[in-house]
Amino acid sequence: MTSQLTFYMLYGHLSRDSLYGLTIGELVTAGVGIARLGEAAVNGDWLLHLHFQLILDMQGRWGDYPGVFKKSEREQWKRICPDI
């Protein structure tokens, strides 16, 4: 018997306006752009970059998911967001 894992993906620091029209579970074709990087004014004053994170358990959250954690919570977050 094969077991399956569900992975959720966080794409952080994107332009909010580039996300309009996307739907959860939408299939995308390789090579097709799905969003644009957000300018510093909309992404927490960070330089342009993509924060990509795999998540195994959304913990009941929906939408904005934390991309950082406290050092004291490291072991818990390593189980939730594997570093693979």
C-alpha atoms as a PDB file:
ATOM      1  CA  MET A   1       0.000   0.000   0.000  1.00  0.00           C
ATOM      2  CA  THR A   2       1.329   3.404  -0.966  1.00  0.00           C
ATOM      3  CA  SER A   3       0.884   6.302   1.399  1.00  0.00           C
ATOM      4  CA  GLN A   4       0.580   9.840   0.088  1.00  0.00           C
ATOM      5  CA  LEU A   5       1.647  13.108   1.634  1.00  0.00           C
ATOM      6  CA  THR A   6      -0.047  16.382   0.885  1.00  0.00           C
ATOM      7  CA  PHE A   7       2.335  19.279   0.436  1.00  0.00           C
ATOM      8  CA  TYR A   8       1.222  22.878   0.640  1.00  0.00           C
ATOM      9  CA  MET A   9       3.484  25.498  -0.875  1.00  0.00           C
ATOM     10  CA  LEU A  10       4.122  29.031   0.296  1.00  0.00           C
ATOM     11  CA  TYR A  11       5.287  31.530  -2.298  1.00  0.00           C
ATOM     12  CA  GLY A  12       6.133  34.628  -0.322  1.00  0.00           C
ATOM     13  CA  HIS A  13       6.983  38.254  -1.139  1.00  0.00           C
ATOM     14  CA  LEU A  14       4.828  38.388  -4.260  1.00  0.00           C
ATOM     15  CA  SER A  15       2.946  41.262  -5.807  1.00  0.00           C
ATOM     16  CA  ARG A  16      -0.639  41.117  -4.527  1.00  0.00           C
ATOM     17  CA  ASP A  17      -2.087  42.320  -7.817  1.00  0.00           C
ATOM     18  CA  SER A  18      -0.401  39.457  -9.696  1.00  0.00           C
ATOM     19  CA  LEU A  19      -2.351  36.955  -7.579  1.00  0.00           C
ATOM     20  CA  TYR A  20      -5.823  38.130  -8.651  1.00  0.00           C
ATOM     21  CA  GLY A  21      -7.610  35.484 -10.665  1.00  0.00           C
ATOM     22  CA  LEU A  22      -5.644  32.540  -9.264  1.00  0.00           C
ATOM     23  CA  THR A  23      -7.615  29.808  -7.544  1.00  0.00           C
ATOM     24  CA  ILE A  24      -6.553  27.249  -4.960  1.00  0.00           C
ATOM     25  CA  GLY A  25      -5.898  23.873  -6.570  1.00  0.00           C
ATOM     26  CA  GLU A  26      -5.570  25.383 -10.034  1.00  0.00           C
ATOM     27  CA  LEU A  27      -3.328  23.335 -12.312  1.00  0.00           C
ATOM     28  CA  VAL A  28      -0.507  25.235 -13.952  1.00  0.00           C
ATOM     29  CA  THR A  29       1.669  24.257 -16.869  1.00  0.00           C
ATOM     30  CA  ALA A  30       5.444  24.183 -16.478  1.00  0.00           C
ATOM     31  CA  GLY A  31       6.998  27.411 -17.680  1.00  0.00           C
ATOM     32  CA  VAL A  32       3.841  29.481 -17.228  1.00  0.00           C
ATOM     33  CA  GLY A  33       4.219  32.426 -14.862  1.00  0.00           C
ATOM     34  CA  ILE A  34       1.845  32.377 -11.895  1.00  0.00           C
ATOM     35  CA  ALA A  35       2.846  35.596 -10.093  1.00  0.00           C
ATOM     36  CA  ARG A  36       5.374  38.421  -9.933  1.00  0.00           C
ATOM     37  CA  LEU A  37       7.748  39.487  -7.183  1.00  0.00           C
ATOM     38  CA  GLY A  38       6.405  42.296  -5.029  1.00  0.00           C
ATOM     39  CA  GLU A  39       8.130  45.625  -4.622  1.00  0.00           C
ATOM     40  CA  ALA A  40       9.535  46.440  -1.172  1.00  0.00           C
ATOM     41  CA  ALA A  41       6.495  48.573  -0.280  1.00  0.00           C
ATOM     42  CA  VAL A  42       4.178  45.534  -0.434  1.00  0.00           C
ATOM     43  CA  ASN A  43       6.444  42.733   0.770  1.00  0.00           C
ATOM     44  CA  GLY A  44       7.619  43.950   4.166  1.00  0.00           C
ATOM     45  CA  ASP A  45      10.444  46.172   2.879  1.00  0.00           C
ATOM     46  CA  TRP A  46      12.489  43.199   1.691  1.00  0.00           C
ATOM     47  CA  LEU A  47      14.609  43.308  -1.466  1.00  0.00           C
ATOM     48  CA  LEU A  48      13.085  41.428  -4.395  1.00  0.00           C
ATOM     49  CA  HIS A  49      13.243  37.687  -3.770  1.00  0.00           C
ATOM     50  CA  LEU A  50      11.002  34.633  -3.601  1.00  0.00           C
ATOM     51  CA  HIS A  51      10.385  32.863  -0.303  1.00  0.00           C
ATOM     52  CA  PHE A  52       9.416  29.267  -1.155  1.00  0.00           C
ATOM     53  CA  GLN A  53       8.406  26.943   1.654  1.00  0.00           C
ATOM     54  CA  LEU A  54       6.971  23.414   1.730  1.00  0.00           C
ATOM     55  CA  ILE A  55       4.361  22.829   4.418  1.00  0.00           C
ATOM     56  CA  LEU A  56       2.934  19.507   5.635  1.00  0.00           C
ATOM     57  CA  ASP A  57       0.377  20.853   8.118  1.00  0.00           C
ATOM     58  CA  MET A  58      -1.425  24.172   7.693  1.00  0.00           C
ATOM     59  CA  GLN A  59      -2.461  24.027  11.386  1.00  0.00           C
ATOM     60  CA  GLY A  60      -5.911  25.336  10.549  1.00  0.00           C
ATOM     61  CA  ARG A  61      -4.480  28.470   8.935  1.00  0.00           C
ATOM     62  CA  TRP A  62      -5.703  29.843   5.647  1.00  0.00           C
ATOM     63  CA  GLY A  63      -4.160  32.536   3.480  1.00  0.00           C
ATOM     64  CA  ASP A  64      -1.217  34.298   5.087  1.00  0.00           C
ATOM     65  CA  TYR A  65       1.046  31.614   6.595  1.00  0.00           C
ATOM     66  CA  PRO A  66       4.082  32.463   8.764  1.00  0.00           C
ATOM     67  CA  GLY A  67       7.350  32.045   6.918  1.00  0.00           C
ATOM     68  CA  VAL A  68       9.513  32.481  10.016  1.00  0.00           C
ATOM     69  CA  PHE A  69       9.532  31.012  13.508  1.00  0.00           C
ATOM     70  CA  LYS A  70      11.067  31.553  16.911  1.00  0.00           C
ATOM     71  CA  LYS A  71      14.329  29.709  17.538  1.00  0.00           C
ATOM     72  CA  SER A  72      12.678  27.977  20.516  1.00  0.00           C
ATOM     73  CA  GLU A  73      10.082  26.461  18.098  1.00  0.00           C
ATOM     74  CA  ARG A  74      12.665  25.078  15.646  1.00  0.00           C
ATOM     75  CA  GLU A  75      12.012  21.360  16.218  1.00  0.00           C
ATOM     76  CA  GLN A  76       8.230  21.778  15.865  1.00  0.00           C
ATOM     77  CA  TRP A  77       8.633  23.743  12.617  1.00  0.00           C
ATOM     78  CA  LYS A  78      11.115  21.223  11.181  1.00  0.00           C
ATOM     79  CA  ARG A  79       8.293  18.639  11.374  1.00  0.00           C
ATOM     80  CA  ILE A  80       5.768  21.003   9.777  1.00  0.00           C
ATOM     81  CA  CYS A  81       8.041  22.478   7.108  1.00  0.00           C
ATOM     82  CA  PRO A  82      10.622  19.897   6.024  1.00  0.00           C
ATOM     83  CA  ASP A  83      13.970  21.129   4.769  1.00  0.00           C
ATOM     84  CA  ILE A  84      14.378  18.906   1.723  1.00  0.00           C
END
